Amino acid sequence: MKIKEIAELVDATFVTGERQADTEVDFGFASDLMSDVLTLKQADRVLLITGLCNIQTIRTAEMANVEAVLFVRNKNVTNEMIEIAEEEGLVLLQCKYSLFRAAGMLYTQGLKSIY
């Protein structure tokens, strides 16, 4: 599934990486625990769905080779987060839905679960 399709499905807006909208993502992982993200065995073409909106999330996504991060519950990304994400080529999206709803919507449309 392309990142732009993910954005459309959950009414998300691009914060960074709109030029990467055609990048393919195969797997989704929903978590607010960054320690769980770091344990992912499948690290290619992953979308992280989270409500944890801070620098730790960006650094964790970078270390786990995540393609994009979808922030849920209307979380607002800071300028520092944007700066680091742009340096790393990380796509950041924001949507209004809960973690549960966003993950469910994407799963029913074909985004695969890692576990």
C-alpha atoms as a PDB file:
ATOM      1  CA  MET A   1       0.000   0.000   0.000  1.00  0.00           C
ATOM      2  CA  LYS A   2       1.369   3.420  -0.894  1.00  0.00           C
ATOM      3  CA  ILE A   3       1.785   6.014   1.821  1.00  0.00           C
ATOM      4  CA  LYS A   4      -0.574   8.357  -0.013  1.00  0.00           C
ATOM      5  CA  GLU A   5      -3.252   5.624   0.104  1.00  0.00           C
ATOM      6  CA  ILE A   6      -2.705   5.249   3.835  1.00  0.00           C
ATOM      7  CA  ALA A   7      -3.116   9.005   4.260  1.00  0.00           C
ATOM      8  CA  GLU A   8      -6.343   8.967   2.259  1.00  0.00           C
ATOM      9  CA  LEU A   9      -7.820   6.025   4.176  1.00  0.00           C
ATOM     10  CA  VAL A  10      -7.392   7.644   7.592  1.00  0.00           C
ATOM     11  CA  ASP A  11      -7.813  11.275   6.499  1.00  0.00           C
ATOM     12  CA  ALA A  12      -4.222  12.006   7.506  1.00  0.00           C
ATOM     13  CA  THR A  13      -2.166  15.015   6.583  1.00  0.00           C
ATOM     14  CA  PHE A  14       1.491  14.901   5.610  1.00  0.00           C
ATOM     15  CA  VAL A  15       3.773  16.714   8.022  1.00  0.00           C
ATOM     16  CA  THR A  16       6.950  15.592   6.248  1.00  0.00           C
ATOM     17  CA  GLY A  17       7.800  13.438   3.265  1.00  0.00           C
ATOM     18  CA  GLU A  18       4.994  14.274   0.886  1.00  0.00           C
ATOM     19  CA  ARG A  19       7.444  13.659  -1.978  1.00  0.00           C
ATOM     20  CA  GLN A  20       7.628  10.055  -0.749  1.00  0.00           C
ATOM     21  CA  ALA A  21       3.865   9.593  -1.048  1.00  0.00           C
ATOM     22  CA  ASP A  22       4.313   6.803  -3.609  1.00  0.00           C
ATOM     23  CA  THR A  23       6.572   4.764  -1.308  1.00  0.00           C
ATOM     24  CA  GLU A  24       5.173   1.289  -0.647  1.00  0.00           C
ATOM     25  CA  VAL A  25       4.493   0.109   2.895  1.00  0.00           C
ATOM     26  CA  ASP A  26       3.534  -3.523   3.480  1.00  0.00           C
ATOM     27  CA  PHE A  27       3.306  -3.817   7.254  1.00  0.00           C
ATOM     28  CA  GLY A  28       1.790  -1.839  10.090  1.00  0.00           C
ATOM     29  CA  PHE A  29       2.740  -1.847  13.744  1.00  0.00           C
ATOM     30  CA  ALA A  30       0.662   0.011  16.324  1.00  0.00           C
ATOM     31  CA  SER A  31       2.262   0.848  19.653  1.00  0.00           C
ATOM     32  CA  ASP A  32       2.931   3.590  22.141  1.00  0.00           C
ATOM     33  CA  LEU A  33       5.811   1.567  23.607  1.00  0.00           C
ATOM     34  CA  MET A  34       8.967   2.356  21.689  1.00  0.00           C
ATOM     35  CA  SER A  35      10.749  -0.575  23.339  1.00  0.00           C
ATOM     36  CA  ASP A  36       8.302  -2.848  21.490  1.00  0.00           C
ATOM     37  CA  VAL A  37       9.113  -1.130  18.197  1.00  0.00           C
ATOM     38  CA  LEU A  38      12.791  -1.854  18.704  1.00  0.00           C
ATOM     39  CA  THR A  39      12.062  -5.589  18.932  1.00  0.00           C
ATOM     40  CA  LEU A  40      10.552  -5.802  15.439  1.00  0.00           C
ATOM     41  CA  LYS A  41      12.089  -8.567  13.375  1.00  0.00           C
ATOM     42  CA  GLN A  42      10.428  -7.355  10.159  1.00  0.00           C
ATOM     43  CA  ALA A  43      11.922  -3.926   9.623  1.00  0.00           C
ATOM     44  CA  ASP A  44      11.291  -3.323   5.924  1.00  0.00           C
ATOM     45  CA  ARG A  45       8.404  -1.270   4.575  1.00  0.00           C
ATOM     46  CA  VAL A  46       6.784  -0.648   7.962  1.00  0.00           C
ATOM     47  CA  LEU A  47       4.306   2.008   9.064  1.00  0.00           C
ATOM     48  CA  LEU A  48       4.418   2.820  12.781  1.00  0.00           C
ATOM     49  CA  ILE A  49       1.056   3.907  14.156  1.00  0.00           C
ATOM     50  CA  THR A  50       1.354   5.648  17.521  1.00  0.00           C
ATOM     51  CA  GLY A  51       0.021   8.268  19.864  1.00  0.00           C
ATOM     52  CA  LEU A  52       3.426   8.874  21.426  1.00  0.00           C
ATOM     53  CA  CYS A  53       4.424  12.162  19.882  1.00  0.00           C
ATOM     54  CA  ASN A  54       7.958  13.090  20.899  1.00  0.00           C
ATOM     55  CA  ILE A  55      11.590  12.934  19.813  1.00  0.00           C
ATOM     56  CA  GLN A  56      11.916   9.407  21.187  1.00  0.00           C
ATOM     57  CA  THR A  57       9.416   8.211  18.585  1.00  0.00           C
ATOM     58  CA  ILE A  58      11.410   9.743  15.739  1.00  0.00           C
ATOM     59  CA  ARG A  59      14.689   8.285  16.997  1.00  0.00           C
ATOM     60  CA  THR A  60      13.103   4.859  17.488  1.00  0.00           C
ATOM     61  CA  ALA A  61      11.603   4.895  13.996  1.00  0.00           C
ATOM     62  CA  GLU A  62      15.008   5.812  12.620  1.00  0.00           C
ATOM     63  CA  MET A  63      16.723   2.926  14.470  1.00  0.00           C
ATOM     64  CA  ALA A  64      14.020   0.435  13.425  1.00  0.00           C
ATOM     65  CA  ASN A  65      14.152   1.466   9.737  1.00  0.00           C
ATOM     66  CA  VAL A  66      10.484   2.466   9.744  1.00  0.00           C
ATOM     67  CA  GLU A  67       9.314   4.112   6.497  1.00  0.00           C
ATOM     68  CA  ALA A  68       6.609   6.307   7.991  1.00  0.00           C
ATOM     69  CA  VAL A  69       4.991   7.247  11.292  1.00  0.00           C
ATOM     70  CA  LEU A  70       1.277   7.911  11.629  1.00  0.00           C
ATOM     71  CA  PHE A  71       0.477   9.956  14.726  1.00  0.00           C
ATOM     72  CA  VAL A  72      -3.079   9.424  15.934  1.00  0.00           C
ATOM     73  CA  ARG A  73      -5.457  11.276  18.290  1.00  0.00           C
ATOM     74  CA  ASN A  74      -4.659  14.692  16.786  1.00  0.00           C
ATOM     75  CA  LYS A  75      -1.140  14.697  18.209  1.00  0.00           C
ATOM     76  CA  ASN A  76       0.898  17.698  17.080  1.00  0.00           C
ATOM     77  CA  VAL A  77       4.425  17.158  15.830  1.00  0.00           C
ATOM     78  CA  THR A  78       7.045  19.624  17.081  1.00  0.00           C
ATOM     79  CA  ASN A  79       9.467  21.578  14.907  1.00  0.00           C
ATOM     80  CA  GLU A  80      12.371  19.589  16.331  1.00  0.00           C
ATOM     81  CA  MET A  81      10.658  16.331  15.327  1.00  0.00           C
ATOM     82  CA  ILE A  82      10.057  17.668  11.825  1.00  0.00           C
ATOM     83  CA  GLU A  83      13.671  18.728  11.459  1.00  0.00           C
ATOM     84  CA  ILE A  84      15.030  15.311  12.429  1.00  0.00           C
ATOM     85  CA  ALA A  85      12.468  13.446  10.322  1.00  0.00           C
ATOM     86  CA  GLU A  86      13.381  15.504   7.261  1.00  0.00           C
ATOM     87  CA  GLU A  87      17.087  14.839   7.823  1.00  0.00           C
ATOM     88  CA  GLU A  88      16.379  11.104   8.011  1.00  0.00           C
ATOM     89  CA  GLY A  89      13.868  10.986   5.149  1.00  0.00           C
ATOM     90  CA  LEU A  90      11.111   9.815   7.475  1.00  0.00           C
ATOM     91  CA  VAL A  91       7.494  10.416   6.506  1.00  0.00           C
ATOM     92  CA  LEU A  92       5.312  11.832   9.280  1.00  0.00           C
ATOM     93  CA  LEU A  93       1.518  11.784   9.083  1.00  0.00           C
ATOM     94  CA  GLN A  94      -1.142  13.031  11.512  1.00  0.00           C
ATOM     95  CA  CYS A  95      -4.767  11.950  11.842  1.00  0.00           C
ATOM     96  CA  LYS A  96      -7.662  12.448  14.223  1.00  0.00           C
ATOM     97  CA  TYR A  97      -8.569   8.799  14.767  1.00  0.00           C
ATOM     98  CA  SER A  98      -7.684   6.650  17.761  1.00  0.00           C
ATOM     99  CA  LEU A  99      -4.871   4.129  17.535  1.00  0.00           C
ATOM    100  CA  PHE A 100      -7.377   1.284  17.498  1.00  0.00           C
ATOM    101  CA  ARG A 101      -9.533   2.782  14.763  1.00  0.00           C
ATOM    102  CA  ALA A 102      -6.671   3.851  12.491  1.00  0.00           C
ATOM    103  CA  ALA A 103      -4.983   0.450  12.742  1.00  0.00           C
ATOM    104  CA  GLY A 104      -8.273  -1.330  12.109  1.00  0.00           C
ATOM    105  CA  MET A 105      -9.092   0.807   9.084  1.00  0.00           C
ATOM    106  CA  LEU A 106      -5.696   0.134   7.536  1.00  0.00           C
ATOM    107  CA  TYR A 107      -5.755  -3.577   8.347  1.00  0.00           C
ATOM    108  CA  THR A 108      -9.146  -4.076   6.695  1.00  0.00           C
ATOM    109  CA  GLN A 109      -7.813  -2.392   3.566  1.00  0.00           C
ATOM    110  CA  GLY A 110      -4.825  -4.714   3.239  1.00  0.00           C
ATOM    111  CA  LEU A 111      -2.015  -3.393   5.418  1.00  0.00           C
ATOM    112  CA  LYS A 112      -0.457  -6.509   6.937  1.00  0.00           C
ATOM    113  CA  SER A 113       0.292  -7.022  10.590  1.00  0.00           C
ATOM    114  CA  ILE A 114       3.828  -7.938  11.583  1.00  0.00           C
ATOM    115  CA  TYR A 115       2.550 -10.343  14.254  1.00  0.00           C
END
